[in-house]
């Protein structure tokens, strides 16, 4: 089975996730995006401070191919409100028909 890549971006709000998703979609670096609510995130901030910070927000899921990840990361960093945004990726096996659709929607 062919593979697509989900690029995951944690955002501080649904609005931020939507703004980032639409910008990257219009640039045809992704075929589509989804937004999933984040009810709670907990982490140490500032780093090594021992202070636990909490937040809510949304996780943005961007569907693309592996070769577009670096361009997507660069664009996300330009417009994300965090100094150090979480940007990760997962490869997922999909049907050939779905892969063809994703590939067909991306910038050549």
N, C-alpha and C. Protein backbone atom coordinates (compact mmCIF):
# COMPACT_ATOMS: atom_id res chain seq x y z
N UNK A 1 0.83 -1.20 0.00
CA UNK A 1 0.00 0.00 0.00
C UNK A 1 0.87 1.25 0.00
N UNK A 2 0.46 2.28 -0.73
CA UNK A 2 1.22 3.54 -0.70
C UNK A 2 1.03 4.26 0.63
N UNK A 3 1.90 5.23 0.88
CA UNK A 3 1.85 5.96 2.16
C UNK A 3 1.66 7.45 1.92
N UNK A 4 0.87 8.05 2.80
CA UNK A 4 0.79 9.51 2.89
C UNK A 4 1.35 9.88 4.25
N UNK A 5 1.52 11.16 4.49
CA UNK A 5 2.04 11.63 5.77
C UNK A 5 1.04 12.56 6.42
N UNK A 6 0.79 12.33 7.69
CA UNK A 6 0.03 13.28 8.50
C UNK A 6 1.05 14.14 9.23
N UNK A 7 0.97 15.44 9.04
CA UNK A 7 1.78 16.37 9.81
C UNK A 7 0.88 16.90 10.91
N UNK A 8 1.31 16.74 12.16
CA UNK A 8 0.53 17.15 13.33
C UNK A 8 1.11 18.44 13.89
N UNK A 9 0.22 19.40 14.15
CA UNK A 9 0.64 20.69 14.69
C UNK A 9 -0.28 21.03 15.86
N UNK A 10 0.29 21.19 17.05
CA UNK A 10 -0.51 21.63 18.18
C UNK A 10 -0.67 23.14 18.13
N UNK A 11 -1.90 23.60 18.22
CA UNK A 11 -2.21 25.03 18.12
C UNK A 11 -2.89 25.51 19.40
N UNK A 12 -2.83 26.81 19.64
CA UNK A 12 -3.40 27.37 20.86
C UNK A 12 -4.90 27.61 20.79
N UNK A 13 -5.48 27.49 19.60
CA UNK A 13 -6.93 27.66 19.46
C UNK A 13 -7.38 27.03 18.15
N UNK A 14 -8.68 26.80 18.06
CA UNK A 14 -9.27 26.31 16.82
C UNK A 14 -9.04 27.33 15.71
N UNK A 15 -9.17 28.60 16.03
CA UNK A 15 -8.98 29.66 15.03
C UNK A 15 -7.56 29.65 14.46
N UNK A 16 -6.57 29.48 15.34
CA UNK A 16 -5.18 29.41 14.87
C UNK A 16 -4.99 28.20 13.96
N UNK A 17 -5.52 27.05 14.37
CA UNK A 17 -5.40 25.84 13.56
C UNK A 17 -6.05 26.04 12.19
N UNK A 18 -7.21 26.65 12.17
CA UNK A 18 -7.91 26.88 10.91
C UNK A 18 -7.14 27.85 10.01
N UNK A 19 -6.61 28.91 10.60
CA UNK A 19 -5.83 29.89 9.83
C UNK A 19 -4.61 29.23 9.19
N UNK A 20 -3.88 28.43 9.97
CA UNK A 20 -2.69 27.74 9.46
C UNK A 20 -3.10 26.73 8.38
N UNK A 21 -4.13 25.93 8.68
CA UNK A 21 -4.57 24.92 7.73
C UNK A 21 -4.98 25.51 6.39
N UNK A 22 -5.77 26.59 6.42
CA UNK A 22 -6.23 27.21 5.16
C UNK A 22 -5.07 27.79 4.36
N UNK A 23 -4.12 28.42 5.05
CA UNK A 23 -2.98 29.01 4.33
C UNK A 23 -2.17 27.92 3.62
N UNK A 24 -1.91 26.83 4.32
CA UNK A 24 -1.10 25.76 3.73
C UNK A 24 -1.88 25.01 2.66
N UNK A 25 -3.19 24.88 2.82
CA UNK A 25 -4.03 24.25 1.81
C UNK A 25 -4.01 25.09 0.52
N UNK A 26 -4.16 26.40 0.66
CA UNK A 26 -4.16 27.29 -0.51
C UNK A 26 -2.83 27.23 -1.26
N UNK A 27 -1.75 26.94 -0.55
CA UNK A 27 -0.44 26.80 -1.19
C UNK A 27 -0.25 25.43 -1.83
N UNK A 28 -1.26 24.57 -1.66
CA UNK A 28 -1.25 23.20 -2.20
C UNK A 28 -0.08 22.36 -1.69
N UNK A 29 0.29 22.59 -0.44
CA UNK A 29 1.29 21.74 0.22
C UNK A 29 0.61 20.56 0.91
N UNK A 30 -0.72 20.64 1.05
CA UNK A 30 -1.52 19.57 1.65
C UNK A 30 -2.75 19.35 0.78
N UNK A 31 -3.37 18.16 0.93
CA UNK A 31 -4.59 17.87 0.18
C UNK A 31 -5.82 18.25 1.01
N UNK A 32 -5.70 18.20 2.33
CA UNK A 32 -6.80 18.56 3.22
C UNK A 32 -6.25 18.69 4.64
N UNK A 33 -7.11 19.18 5.56
CA UNK A 33 -6.71 19.23 6.97
C UNK A 33 -7.91 18.95 7.86
N UNK A 34 -7.61 18.50 9.07
CA UNK A 34 -8.61 18.26 10.11
C UNK A 34 -8.17 19.00 11.37
N UNK A 35 -9.14 19.38 12.18
CA UNK A 35 -8.85 20.02 13.47
C UNK A 35 -9.52 19.20 14.56
N UNK A 36 -8.73 18.81 15.57
CA UNK A 36 -9.21 18.01 16.69
C UNK A 36 -9.02 18.81 17.97
N UNK A 37 -10.06 18.93 18.81
CA UNK A 37 -9.92 19.69 20.05
C UNK A 37 -8.89 19.05 21.00
N UNK A 38 -8.13 19.89 21.69
CA UNK A 38 -7.23 19.44 22.76
C UNK A 38 -7.82 19.96 24.06
N UNK A 39 -8.25 19.06 24.90
CA UNK A 39 -8.90 19.45 26.15
C UNK A 39 -7.92 19.85 27.23
N UNK A 40 -6.72 19.26 27.20
CA UNK A 40 -5.71 19.61 28.20
C UNK A 40 -4.34 19.18 27.71
N UNK A 41 -3.39 20.07 27.84
CA UNK A 41 -1.99 19.75 27.62
C UNK A 41 -1.23 20.22 28.85
N UNK A 42 -0.29 19.44 29.34
CA UNK A 42 0.52 19.82 30.49
C UNK A 42 1.99 19.60 30.15
N UNK A 43 2.82 20.56 30.52
CA UNK A 43 4.24 20.50 30.16
C UNK A 43 5.02 21.44 31.08
N UNK A 44 6.34 21.21 31.14
CA UNK A 44 7.21 22.10 31.90
C UNK A 44 7.51 23.33 31.06
N UNK A 45 7.27 24.54 31.60
CA UNK A 45 7.60 25.77 30.87
C UNK A 45 7.82 26.88 31.87
N UNK A 46 8.86 27.65 31.74
CA UNK A 46 9.95 27.53 30.78
C UNK A 46 10.72 26.23 30.96
N UNK A 47 11.47 25.83 29.94
CA UNK A 47 12.23 24.58 30.02
C UNK A 47 13.11 24.53 31.27
N UNK A 48 13.14 23.36 31.86
CA UNK A 48 13.98 23.05 33.03
C UNK A 48 13.61 23.88 34.26
N UNK A 49 12.44 24.50 34.26
CA UNK A 49 12.04 25.34 35.40
C UNK A 49 11.38 24.53 36.50
N UNK A 50 10.85 23.37 36.15
CA UNK A 50 10.11 22.59 37.14
C UNK A 50 8.68 23.09 37.29
N UNK A 51 8.32 24.16 36.61
CA UNK A 51 6.98 24.72 36.68
C UNK A 51 6.10 24.05 35.62
N UNK A 52 4.95 23.50 36.07
CA UNK A 52 4.04 22.85 35.14
C UNK A 52 3.04 23.87 34.62
N UNK A 53 2.99 23.97 33.31
CA UNK A 53 2.07 24.87 32.61
C UNK A 53 0.97 24.00 31.99
N UNK A 54 -0.24 24.51 31.90
CA UNK A 54 -1.31 23.78 31.22
C UNK A 54 -1.95 24.69 30.18
N UNK A 55 -2.55 24.06 29.18
CA UNK A 55 -3.23 24.82 28.14
C UNK A 55 -4.26 23.93 27.46
N UNK A 56 -5.06 24.54 26.63
CA UNK A 56 -6.01 23.85 25.77
C UNK A 56 -5.73 24.31 24.36
N UNK A 57 -6.48 23.83 23.42
CA UNK A 57 -6.29 24.28 22.04
C UNK A 57 -6.81 23.27 21.06
N UNK A 58 -6.06 23.06 19.99
CA UNK A 58 -6.47 22.14 18.93
C UNK A 58 -5.24 21.52 18.30
N UNK A 59 -5.41 20.31 17.81
CA UNK A 59 -4.36 19.67 17.01
C UNK A 59 -4.80 19.73 15.55
N UNK A 60 -3.92 20.24 14.73
CA UNK A 60 -4.14 20.36 13.31
C UNK A 60 -3.49 19.15 12.63
N UNK A 61 -4.25 18.44 11.82
CA UNK A 61 -3.73 17.29 11.07
C UNK A 61 -3.72 17.67 9.60
N UNK A 62 -2.53 17.68 9.02
CA UNK A 62 -2.34 18.07 7.62
C UNK A 62 -1.99 16.83 6.80
N UNK A 63 -2.76 16.52 5.75
CA UNK A 63 -2.48 15.35 4.91
C UNK A 63 -1.63 15.77 3.72
N UNK A 64 -0.51 15.06 3.56
CA UNK A 64 0.44 15.43 2.52
C UNK A 64 1.30 14.22 2.15
N UNK A 65 2.35 14.48 1.41
CA UNK A 65 3.37 13.48 1.11
C UNK A 65 4.67 13.91 1.79
N UNK A 66 5.51 12.93 2.04
CA UNK A 66 6.75 13.15 2.80
C UNK A 66 7.59 14.29 2.25
N UNK A 67 7.65 14.44 0.95
CA UNK A 67 8.53 15.45 0.34
C UNK A 67 8.11 16.89 0.64
N UNK A 68 6.92 17.09 1.16
CA UNK A 68 6.44 18.45 1.47
C UNK A 68 6.64 18.85 2.94
N UNK A 69 7.11 17.95 3.77
CA UNK A 69 7.20 18.21 5.22
C UNK A 69 8.05 19.44 5.53
N UNK A 70 9.21 19.57 4.96
CA UNK A 70 10.09 20.72 5.28
C UNK A 70 9.44 22.05 4.92
N UNK A 71 8.77 22.12 3.77
CA UNK A 71 8.10 23.35 3.36
C UNK A 71 6.96 23.67 4.32
N UNK A 72 6.22 22.65 4.72
CA UNK A 72 5.11 22.84 5.66
C UNK A 72 5.64 23.35 6.99
N UNK A 73 6.69 22.73 7.50
CA UNK A 73 7.29 23.15 8.78
C UNK A 73 7.71 24.62 8.72
N UNK A 74 8.33 25.01 7.64
CA UNK A 74 8.78 26.39 7.48
C UNK A 74 7.58 27.35 7.51
N UNK A 75 6.51 27.01 6.81
CA UNK A 75 5.32 27.87 6.76
C UNK A 75 4.63 27.94 8.13
N UNK A 76 4.52 26.80 8.81
CA UNK A 76 3.89 26.78 10.13
C UNK A 76 4.65 27.68 11.09
N UNK A 77 5.97 27.58 11.11
CA UNK A 77 6.79 28.39 12.01
C UNK A 77 6.63 29.89 11.76
N UNK A 78 6.37 30.28 10.50
CA UNK A 78 6.19 31.70 10.18
C UNK A 78 4.94 32.28 10.84
N UNK A 79 3.88 31.49 10.95
CA UNK A 79 2.59 32.04 11.38
C UNK A 79 2.07 31.52 12.71
N UNK A 80 2.71 30.52 13.28
CA UNK A 80 2.28 29.96 14.57
C UNK A 80 2.57 30.95 15.69
N UNK A 81 1.70 30.99 16.70
CA UNK A 81 1.88 31.93 17.80
C UNK A 81 2.93 31.49 18.82
N UNK A 82 3.30 30.22 18.84
CA UNK A 82 4.32 29.73 19.78
C UNK A 82 5.72 29.92 19.22
N UNK A 83 6.65 30.22 20.12
CA UNK A 83 8.07 30.28 19.75
C UNK A 83 8.59 28.91 19.33
N UNK A 84 8.07 27.88 20.01
CA UNK A 84 8.52 26.50 19.78
C UNK A 84 7.29 25.61 19.56
N UNK A 85 6.66 25.68 18.38
CA UNK A 85 5.46 24.87 18.15
C UNK A 85 5.80 23.40 17.98
N UNK A 86 4.87 22.54 18.43
CA UNK A 86 5.02 21.11 18.16
C UNK A 86 4.61 20.86 16.72
N UNK A 87 5.53 20.27 15.95
CA UNK A 87 5.27 19.85 14.59
C UNK A 87 5.87 18.45 14.46
N UNK A 88 5.04 17.46 14.21
CA UNK A 88 5.50 16.08 14.08
C UNK A 88 4.85 15.44 12.87
N UNK A 89 5.30 14.23 12.53
CA UNK A 89 4.69 13.56 11.38
C UNK A 89 4.61 12.06 11.59
N UNK A 90 3.62 11.48 10.90
CA UNK A 90 3.36 10.04 10.95
C UNK A 90 3.06 9.58 9.53
N UNK A 91 3.70 8.51 9.09
CA UNK A 91 3.37 7.93 7.79
C UNK A 91 2.23 6.93 7.96
N UNK A 92 1.28 6.97 7.02
CA UNK A 92 0.10 6.12 7.11
C UNK A 92 -0.13 5.44 5.76
N UNK A 93 -0.38 4.15 5.81
CA UNK A 93 -0.69 3.42 4.58
C UNK A 93 -2.15 3.69 4.21
N UNK A 94 -2.38 3.94 2.93
CA UNK A 94 -3.72 4.21 2.43
C UNK A 94 -3.95 3.44 1.13
N UNK A 95 -5.18 3.40 0.68
CA UNK A 95 -5.49 2.74 -0.59
C UNK A 95 -4.84 3.53 -1.75
N UNK A 96 -4.64 2.84 -2.84
CA UNK A 96 -4.04 3.49 -4.01
C UNK A 96 -4.91 4.64 -4.51
N UNK A 97 -6.22 4.45 -4.45
CA UNK A 97 -7.14 5.50 -4.91
C UNK A 97 -7.01 6.76 -4.05
N UNK A 98 -6.93 6.58 -2.74
CA UNK A 98 -6.80 7.73 -1.84
C UNK A 98 -5.45 8.42 -2.05
N UNK A 99 -4.40 7.63 -2.18
CA UNK A 99 -3.07 8.18 -2.45
C UNK A 99 -3.08 9.01 -3.72
N UNK A 100 -3.71 8.49 -4.78
CA UNK A 100 -3.79 9.22 -6.05
C UNK A 100 -4.50 10.56 -5.87
N UNK A 101 -5.56 10.58 -5.07
CA UNK A 101 -6.27 11.84 -4.82
C UNK A 101 -5.37 12.83 -4.09
N UNK A 102 -4.71 12.38 -3.01
CA UNK A 102 -3.81 13.26 -2.26
C UNK A 102 -2.74 13.83 -3.18
N UNK A 103 -2.06 12.97 -3.90
CA UNK A 103 -0.99 13.39 -4.81
C UNK A 103 -1.50 14.38 -5.87
N UNK A 104 -2.70 14.13 -6.37
CA UNK A 104 -3.27 14.98 -7.40
C UNK A 104 -3.62 16.39 -6.94
N UNK A 105 -3.81 16.59 -5.64
CA UNK A 105 -4.18 17.89 -5.09
C UNK A 105 -2.98 18.74 -4.71
N UNK A 106 -1.78 18.16 -4.72
CA UNK A 106 -0.58 18.87 -4.26
C UNK A 106 0.12 19.59 -5.40
N UNK A 107 0.87 20.65 -5.01
CA UNK A 107 1.68 21.42 -5.96
C UNK A 107 2.67 20.50 -6.64
N UNK A 108 2.83 20.66 -7.91
CA UNK A 108 3.78 19.83 -8.67
C UNK A 108 5.18 20.35 -8.54
